[in-house]
PDB file of N, CA and C in Angstrom:
ATOM      1  N   MET A   1       7.931  -1.978  21.331  1.00  0.00           N
ATOM      2  CA  MET A   1       8.063  -3.419  21.430  1.00  0.00           C
ATOM      3  C   MET A   1       9.151  -3.866  20.462  1.00  0.00           C
ATOM      4  N   GLU A   2       9.991  -4.751  20.897  1.00  0.00           N
ATOM      5  CA  GLU A   2      11.072  -5.248  20.056  1.00  0.00           C
ATOM      6  C   GLU A   2      10.865  -6.734  19.794  1.00  0.00           C
ATOM      7  N   PHE A   3      11.023  -7.109  18.526  1.00  0.00           N
ATOM      8  CA  PHE A   3      10.851  -8.504  18.139  1.00  0.00           C
ATOM      9  C   PHE A   3      12.207  -9.140  17.884  1.00  0.00           C
ATOM     10  N   THR A   4      12.306 -10.413  18.183  1.00  0.00           N
ATOM     11  CA  THR A   4      13.537 -11.147  17.893  1.00  0.00           C
ATOM     12  C   THR A   4      13.443 -11.863  16.557  1.00  0.00           C
ATOM     13  N   GLN A   5      12.234 -12.270  16.186  1.00  0.00           N
ATOM     14  CA  GLN A   5      11.982 -12.837  14.866  1.00  0.00           C
ATOM     15  C   GLN A   5      10.479 -13.010  14.694  1.00  0.00           C
ATOM     16  N   GLY A   6      10.079 -13.266  13.464  1.00  0.00           N
ATOM     17  CA  GLY A   6       8.670 -13.463  13.174  1.00  0.00           C
ATOM     18  C   GLY A   6       8.496 -14.511  12.104  1.00  0.00           C
ATOM     19  N   CYS A   7       7.246 -14.935  11.920  1.00  0.00           N
ATOM     20  CA  CYS A   7       6.954 -15.976  10.947  1.00  0.00           C
ATOM     21  C   CYS A   7       5.667 -15.585  10.212  1.00  0.00           C
ATOM     22  N   LEU A   8       5.708 -15.681   8.886  1.00  0.00           N
ATOM     23  CA  LEU A   8       4.547 -15.354   8.076  1.00  0.00           C
ATOM     24  C   LEU A   8       4.498 -16.340   6.919  1.00  0.00           C
ATOM     25  N   ASP A   9       3.412 -17.062   6.799  1.00  0.00           N
ATOM     26  CA  ASP A   9       3.248 -18.080   5.750  1.00  0.00           C
ATOM     27  C   ASP A   9       4.411 -19.075   5.747  1.00  0.00           C
ATOM     28  N   GLY A  10       4.888 -19.443   6.915  1.00  0.00           N
ATOM     29  CA  GLY A  10       5.949 -20.425   7.016  1.00  0.00           C
ATOM     30  C   GLY A  10       7.346 -19.889   6.792  1.00  0.00           C
ATOM     31  N   GLN A  11       7.473 -18.601   6.501  1.00  0.00           N
ATOM     32  CA  GLN A  11       8.788 -17.998   6.290  1.00  0.00           C
ATOM     33  C   GLN A  11       9.203 -17.254   7.548  1.00  0.00           C
ATOM     34  N   VAL A  12      10.435 -17.487   7.996  1.00  0.00           N
ATOM     35  CA  VAL A  12      10.947 -16.861   9.213  1.00  0.00           C
ATOM     36  C   VAL A  12      11.602 -15.527   8.841  1.00  0.00           C
ATOM     37  N   PHE A  13      11.291 -14.475   9.620  1.00  0.00           N
ATOM     38  CA  PHE A  13      11.824 -13.139   9.381  1.00  0.00           C
ATOM     39  C   PHE A  13      12.725 -12.716  10.530  1.00  0.00           C
ATOM     40  N   THR A  14      13.838 -12.094  10.197  1.00  0.00           N
ATOM     41  CA  THR A  14      14.757 -11.546  11.206  1.00  0.00           C
ATOM     42  C   THR A  14      14.233 -10.169  11.623  1.00  0.00           C
ATOM     43  N   PRO A  15      14.787  -9.589  12.688  1.00  0.00           N
ATOM     44  CA  PRO A  15      14.357  -8.236  13.079  1.00  0.00           C
ATOM     45  C   PRO A  15      14.530  -7.211  11.958  1.00  0.00           C
ATOM     46  N   ALA A  16      15.585  -7.335  11.161  1.00  0.00           N
ATOM     47  CA  ALA A  16      15.792  -6.411  10.035  1.00  0.00           C
ATOM     48  C   ALA A  16      14.683  -6.580   8.997  1.00  0.00           C
ATOM     49  N   ASP A  17      14.295  -7.821   8.741  1.00  0.00           N
ATOM     50  CA  ASP A  17      13.206  -8.081   7.798  1.00  0.00           C
ATOM     51  C   ASP A  17      11.894  -7.513   8.315  1.00  0.00           C
ATOM     52  N   LEU A  18      11.663  -7.650   9.606  1.00  0.00           N
ATOM     53  CA  LEU A  18      10.432  -7.121  10.192  1.00  0.00           C
ATOM     54  C   LEU A  18      10.386  -5.599  10.101  1.00  0.00           C
ATOM     55  N   LYS A  19      11.541  -4.957  10.238  1.00  0.00           N
ATOM     56  CA  LYS A  19      11.605  -3.494  10.124  1.00  0.00           C
ATOM     57  C   LYS A  19      11.201  -3.059   8.715  1.00  0.00           C
ATOM     58  N   LYS A  20      11.653  -3.821   7.718  1.00  0.00           N
ATOM     59  CA  LYS A  20      11.278  -3.518   6.334  1.00  0.00           C
ATOM     60  C   LYS A  20       9.766  -3.660   6.150  1.00  0.00           C
ATOM     61  N   LEU A  21       9.176  -4.672   6.755  1.00  0.00           N
ATOM     62  CA  LEU A  21       7.731  -4.881   6.646  1.00  0.00           C
ATOM     63  C   LEU A  21       6.948  -3.747   7.300  1.00  0.00           C
ATOM     64  N   GLU A  22       7.498  -3.182   8.384  1.00  0.00           N
ATOM     65  CA  GLU A  22       6.824  -2.068   9.062  1.00  0.00           C
ATOM     66  C   GLU A  22       6.712  -0.857   8.161  1.00  0.00           C
ATOM     67  N   ASP A  23       7.690  -0.670   7.275  1.00  0.00           N
ATOM     68  CA  ASP A  23       7.726   0.511   6.420  1.00  0.00           C
ATOM     69  C   ASP A  23       6.833   0.394   5.185  1.00  0.00           C
ATOM     70  N   LEU A  24       6.319  -0.791   4.914  1.00  0.00           N
ATOM     71  CA  LEU A  24       5.445  -0.970   3.754  1.00  0.00           C
ATOM     72  C   LEU A  24       4.101  -0.278   3.987  1.00  0.00           C
ATOM     73  N   PRO A  25       3.505   0.271   2.919  1.00  0.00           N
ATOM     74  CA  PRO A  25       2.187   0.889   3.083  1.00  0.00           C
ATOM     75  C   PRO A  25       1.121  -0.166   3.372  1.00  0.00           C
ATOM     76  N   SER A  26       0.063   0.264   4.013  1.00  0.00           N
ATOM     77  CA  SER A  26      -1.022  -0.666   4.338  1.00  0.00           C
ATOM     78  C   SER A  26      -1.830  -1.000   3.081  1.00  0.00           C
ATOM     79  N   LYS A  27      -2.663  -1.992   3.187  1.00  0.00           N
ATOM     80  CA  LYS A  27      -3.519  -2.400   2.073  1.00  0.00           C
ATOM     81  C   LYS A  27      -4.423  -1.240   1.663  1.00  0.00           C
ATOM     82  N   GLN A  28      -4.981  -0.536   2.643  1.00  0.00           N
ATOM     83  CA  GLN A  28      -5.875   0.596   2.350  1.00  0.00           C
ATOM     84  C   GLN A  28      -5.120   1.713   1.631  1.00  0.00           C
ATOM     85  N   GLU A  29      -3.876   1.987   2.035  1.00  0.00           N
ATOM     86  CA  GLU A  29      -3.076   3.020   1.366  1.00  0.00           C
ATOM     87  C   GLU A  29      -2.795   2.633  -0.080  1.00  0.00           C
ATOM     88  N   LEU A  30      -2.478   1.361  -0.318  1.00  0.00           N
ATOM     89  CA  LEU A  30      -2.228   0.907  -1.684  1.00  0.00           C
ATOM     90  C   LEU A  30      -3.479   0.995  -2.543  1.00  0.00           C
ATOM     91  N   ILE A  31      -4.619   0.624  -1.985  1.00  0.00           N
ATOM     92  CA  ILE A  31      -5.888   0.718  -2.721  1.00  0.00           C
ATOM     93  C   ILE A  31      -6.179   2.170  -3.069  1.00  0.00           C
ATOM     94  N   ALA A  32      -5.946   3.081  -2.129  1.00  0.00           N
ATOM     95  CA  ALA A  32      -6.188   4.506  -2.380  1.00  0.00           C
ATOM     96  C   ALA A  32      -5.269   5.036  -3.476  1.00  0.00           C
ATOM     97  N   LYS A  33      -4.005   4.614  -3.478  1.00  0.00           N
ATOM     98  CA  LYS A  33      -3.072   5.051  -4.522  1.00  0.00           C
ATOM     99  C   LYS A  33      -3.508   4.551  -5.895  1.00  0.00           C
ATOM    100  N   ILE A  34      -3.900   3.288  -5.960  1.00  0.00           N
ATOM    101  CA  ILE A  34      -4.339   2.711  -7.235  1.00  0.00           C
ATOM    102  C   ILE A  34      -5.603   3.402  -7.721  1.00  0.00           C
ATOM    103  N   ALA A  35      -6.538   3.648  -6.814  1.00  0.00           N
ATOM    104  CA  ALA A  35      -7.774   4.336  -7.193  1.00  0.00           C
ATOM    105  C   ALA A  35      -7.473   5.738  -7.715  1.00  0.00           C
ATOM    106  N   GLY A  36      -6.532   6.416  -7.083  1.00  0.00           N
ATOM    107  CA  GLY A  36      -6.149   7.755  -7.546  1.00  0.00           C
ATOM    108  C   GLY A  36      -5.554   7.722  -8.936  1.00  0.00           C
ATOM    109  N   MET A  37      -4.708   6.721  -9.212  1.00  0.00           N
ATOM    110  CA  MET A  37      -4.107   6.606 -10.539  1.00  0.00           C
ATOM    111  C   MET A  37      -5.161   6.285 -11.593  1.00  0.00           C
ATOM    112  N   ILE A  38      -6.103   5.413 -11.240  1.00  0.00           N
ATOM    113  CA  ILE A  38      -7.171   5.065 -12.187  1.00  0.00           C
ATOM    114  C   ILE A  38      -8.044   6.292 -12.462  1.00  0.00           C
ATOM    115  N   LYS A  39      -8.304   7.081 -11.437  1.00  0.00           N
ATOM    116  CA  LYS A  39      -9.137   8.269 -11.594  1.00  0.00           C
ATOM    117  C   LYS A  39      -8.444   9.323 -12.452  1.00  0.00           C
ATOM    118  N   GLN A  40      -7.118   9.420 -12.381  1.00  0.00           N
ATOM    119  CA  GLN A  40      -6.374  10.405 -13.154  1.00  0.00           C
ATOM    120  C   GLN A  40      -6.341  10.077 -14.636  1.00  0.00           C
ATOM    121  N   MET A  41      -6.410   8.800 -14.981  1.00  0.00           N
ATOM    122  CA  MET A  41      -6.241   8.397 -16.369  1.00  0.00           C
ATOM    123  C   MET A  41      -7.258   9.038 -17.312  1.00  0.00           C
ATOM    124  N   PRO A  42      -8.568   8.995 -17.050  1.00  0.00           N
ATOM    125  CA  PRO A  42      -9.503   9.642 -17.972  1.00  0.00           C
ATOM    126  C   PRO A  42      -9.272  11.147 -18.078  1.00  0.00           C
ATOM    127  N   THR A  43      -8.875  11.769 -16.989  1.00  0.00           N
ATOM    128  CA  THR A  43      -8.602  13.204 -17.021  1.00  0.00           C
ATOM    129  C   THR A  43      -7.421  13.498 -17.937  1.00  0.00           C
ATOM    130  N   LYS A  44      -6.366  12.716 -17.832  1.00  0.00           N
ATOM    131  CA  LYS A  44      -5.191  12.922 -18.683  1.00  0.00           C
ATOM    132  C   LYS A  44      -5.524  12.678 -20.149  1.00  0.00           C
ATOM    133  N   VAL A  45      -6.328  11.661 -20.420  1.00  0.00           N
ATOM    134  CA  VAL A  45      -6.723  11.372 -21.799  1.00  0.00           C
ATOM    135  C   VAL A  45      -7.554  12.530 -22.357  1.00  0.00           C
ATOM    136  N   ALA A  46      -8.486  13.034 -21.559  1.00  0.00           N
ATOM    137  CA  ALA A  46      -9.321  14.148 -22.008  1.00  0.00           C
ATOM    138  C   ALA A  46      -8.479  15.391 -22.288  1.00  0.00           C
ATOM    139  N   LEU A  47      -7.517  15.674 -21.435  1.00  0.00           N
ATOM    140  CA  LEU A  47      -6.647  16.830 -21.659  1.00  0.00           C
ATOM    141  C   LEU A  47      -5.830  16.665 -22.942  1.00  0.00           C
ATOM    142  N   ALA A  48      -5.336  15.463 -23.168  1.00  0.00           N
ATOM    143  CA  ALA A  48      -4.549  15.223 -24.377  1.00  0.00           C
ATOM    144  C   ALA A  48      -5.408  15.346 -25.630  1.00  0.00           C
ATOM    145  N   VAL A  49      -6.624  14.832 -25.578  1.00  0.00           N
ATOM    146  CA  VAL A  49      -7.519  14.903 -26.740  1.00  0.00           C
ATOM    147  C   VAL A  49      -7.907  16.355 -27.018  1.00  0.00           C
ATOM    148  N   ASN A  50      -8.150  17.125 -25.979  1.00  0.00           N
ATOM    149  CA  ASN A  50      -8.528  18.532 -26.159  1.00  0.00           C
ATOM    150  C   ASN A  50      -7.342  19.400 -26.556  1.00  0.00           C
ATOM    151  N   ALA A  51      -6.130  18.982 -26.227  1.00  0.00           N
ATOM    152  CA  ALA A  51      -4.953  19.793 -26.524  1.00  0.00           C
ATOM    153  C   ALA A  51      -4.674  19.871 -28.019  1.00  0.00           C
ATOM    154  N   LEU A  52      -4.943  18.816 -28.753  1.00  0.00           N
ATOM    155  CA  LEU A  52      -4.636  18.803 -30.182  1.00  0.00           C
ATOM    156  C   LEU A  52      -5.398  19.883 -30.948  1.00  0.00           C
ATOM    157  N   PRO A  53      -6.720  19.982 -30.827  1.00  0.00           N
ATOM    158  CA  PRO A  53      -7.412  21.049 -31.556  1.00  0.00           C
ATOM    159  C   PRO A  53      -6.982  22.448 -31.071  1.00  0.00           C
ATOM    160  N   ARG A  54      -6.739  22.580 -29.785  1.00  0.00           N
ATOM    161  CA  ARG A  54      -6.345  23.881 -29.238  1.00  0.00           C
ATOM    162  C   ARG A  54      -4.996  24.302 -29.807  1.00  0.00           C
ATOM    163  N   LYS A  55      -4.045  23.388 -29.846  1.00  0.00           N
ATOM    164  CA  LYS A  55      -2.720  23.707 -30.383  1.00  0.00           C
ATOM    165  C   LYS A  55      -2.791  23.973 -31.886  1.00  0.00           C
ATOM    166  N   THR A  56      -3.649  23.245 -32.577  1.00  0.00           N
ATOM    167  CA  THR A  56      -3.820  23.469 -34.006  1.00  0.00           C
ATOM    168  C   THR A  56      -4.400  24.864 -34.249  1.00  0.00           C
ATOM    169  N   ALA A  57      -5.363  25.257 -33.429  1.00  0.00           N
ATOM    170  CA  ALA A  57      -5.952  26.586 -33.569  1.00  0.00           C
ATOM    171  C   ALA A  57      -4.912  27.670 -33.311  1.00  0.00           C
ATOM    172  N   TYR A  58      -4.066  27.488 -32.307  1.00  0.00           N
ATOM    173  CA  TYR A  58      -3.004  28.460 -32.039  1.00  0.00           C
ATOM    174  C   TYR A  58      -2.046  28.557 -33.222  1.00  0.00           C
ATOM    175  N   ALA A  59      -1.708  27.428 -33.808  1.00  0.00           N
ATOM    176  CA  ALA A  59      -0.787  27.413 -34.943  1.00  0.00           C
ATOM    177  C   ALA A  59      -1.405  28.108 -36.154  1.00  0.00           C
ATOM    178  N   VAL A  60      -2.674  27.848 -36.428  1.00  0.00           N
ATOM    179  CA  VAL A  60      -3.357  28.490 -37.560  1.00  0.00           C
ATOM    180  C   VAL A  60      -3.422  29.997 -37.343  1.00  0.00           C
ATOM    181  N   LYS A  61      -3.734  30.417 -36.129  1.00  0.00           N
ATOM    182  CA  LYS A  61      -3.803  31.848 -35.826  1.00  0.00           C
ATOM    183  C   LYS A  61      -2.429  32.489 -35.981  1.00  0.00           C
ATOM    184  N   ALA A  62      -1.377  31.812 -35.555  1.00  0.00           N
ATOM    185  CA  ALA A  62      -0.024  32.352 -35.681  1.00  0.00           C
ATOM    186  C   ALA A  62       0.361  32.516 -37.147  1.00  0.00           C
ATOM    187  N   VAL A  63       0.016  31.531 -37.972  1.00  0.00           N
ATOM    188  CA  VAL A  63       0.310  31.626 -39.412  1.00  0.00           C
ATOM    189  C   VAL A  63      -0.480  32.774 -40.027  1.00  0.00           C
ATOM    190  N   LYS A  64      -1.752  32.901 -39.648  1.00  0.00           N
ATOM    191  CA  LYS A  64      -2.593  33.978 -40.172  1.00  0.00           C
ATOM    192  C   LYS A  64      -2.021  35.340 -39.785  1.00  0.00           C
ATOM    193  N   ASP A  65      -1.624  35.489 -38.524  1.00  0.00           N
ATOM    194  CA  ASP A  65      -1.056  36.755 -38.068  1.00  0.00           C
ATOM    195  C   ASP A  65       0.236  37.073 -38.808  1.00  0.00           C
ATOM    196  N   LYS A  66       1.059  36.064 -39.036  1.00  0.00           N
ATOM    197  CA  LYS A  66       2.320  36.261 -39.735  1.00  0.00           C
ATOM    198  C   LYS A  66       2.059  36.692 -41.162  1.00  0.00           C
ATOM    199  N   MET A  67       1.082  36.078 -41.818  1.00  0.00           N
ATOM    200  CA  MET A  67       0.755  36.434 -43.208  1.00  0.00           C
ATOM    201  C   MET A  67       0.204  37.854 -43.281  1.00  0.00           C
ATOM    202  N   GLU A  68      -0.579  38.245 -42.291  1.00  0.00           N
ATOM    203  CA  GLU A  68      -1.112  39.607 -42.276  1.00  0.00           C
ATOM    204  C   GLU A  68      -0.009  40.631 -42.061  1.00  0.00           C
ATOM    205  N   ASP A  69       0.954  40.296 -41.214  1.00  0.00           N
ATOM    206  CA  ASP A  69       2.082  41.209 -40.958  1.00  0.00           C
ATOM    207  C   ASP A  69       2.938  41.382 -42.201  1.00  0.00           C
ATOM    208  N   GLU A  70       3.110  40.329 -42.980  1.00  0.00           N
ATOM    209  CA  GLU A  70       3.938  40.393 -44.183  1.00  0.00           C
ATOM    210  C   GLU A  70       3.230  41.140 -45.320  1.00  0.00           C
ATOM    211  N   ALA A  71       1.908  41.137 -45.280  1.00  0.00           N
ATOM    212  CA  ALA A  71       1.154  41.758 -46.386  1.00  0.00           C
ATOM    213  C   ALA A  71       1.042  43.246 -46.264  1.00  0.00           C
TER     214      ALA A  71
END
């Protein structure tokens, strides 16, 4: 189907404008993307919080190994 123009909330759209609107994601797709980003946030925070002690332990072990090698 080909449109010659459209109107939404009192604004007139040309065929080129309507083509741009066709390419926009749906409301459900946007909600799913936002939900996915919100769900990822606690996981990323947990990984960052757990990474600090793990990296510190690796650093302490590396220093200990180096001191043992030198002794």
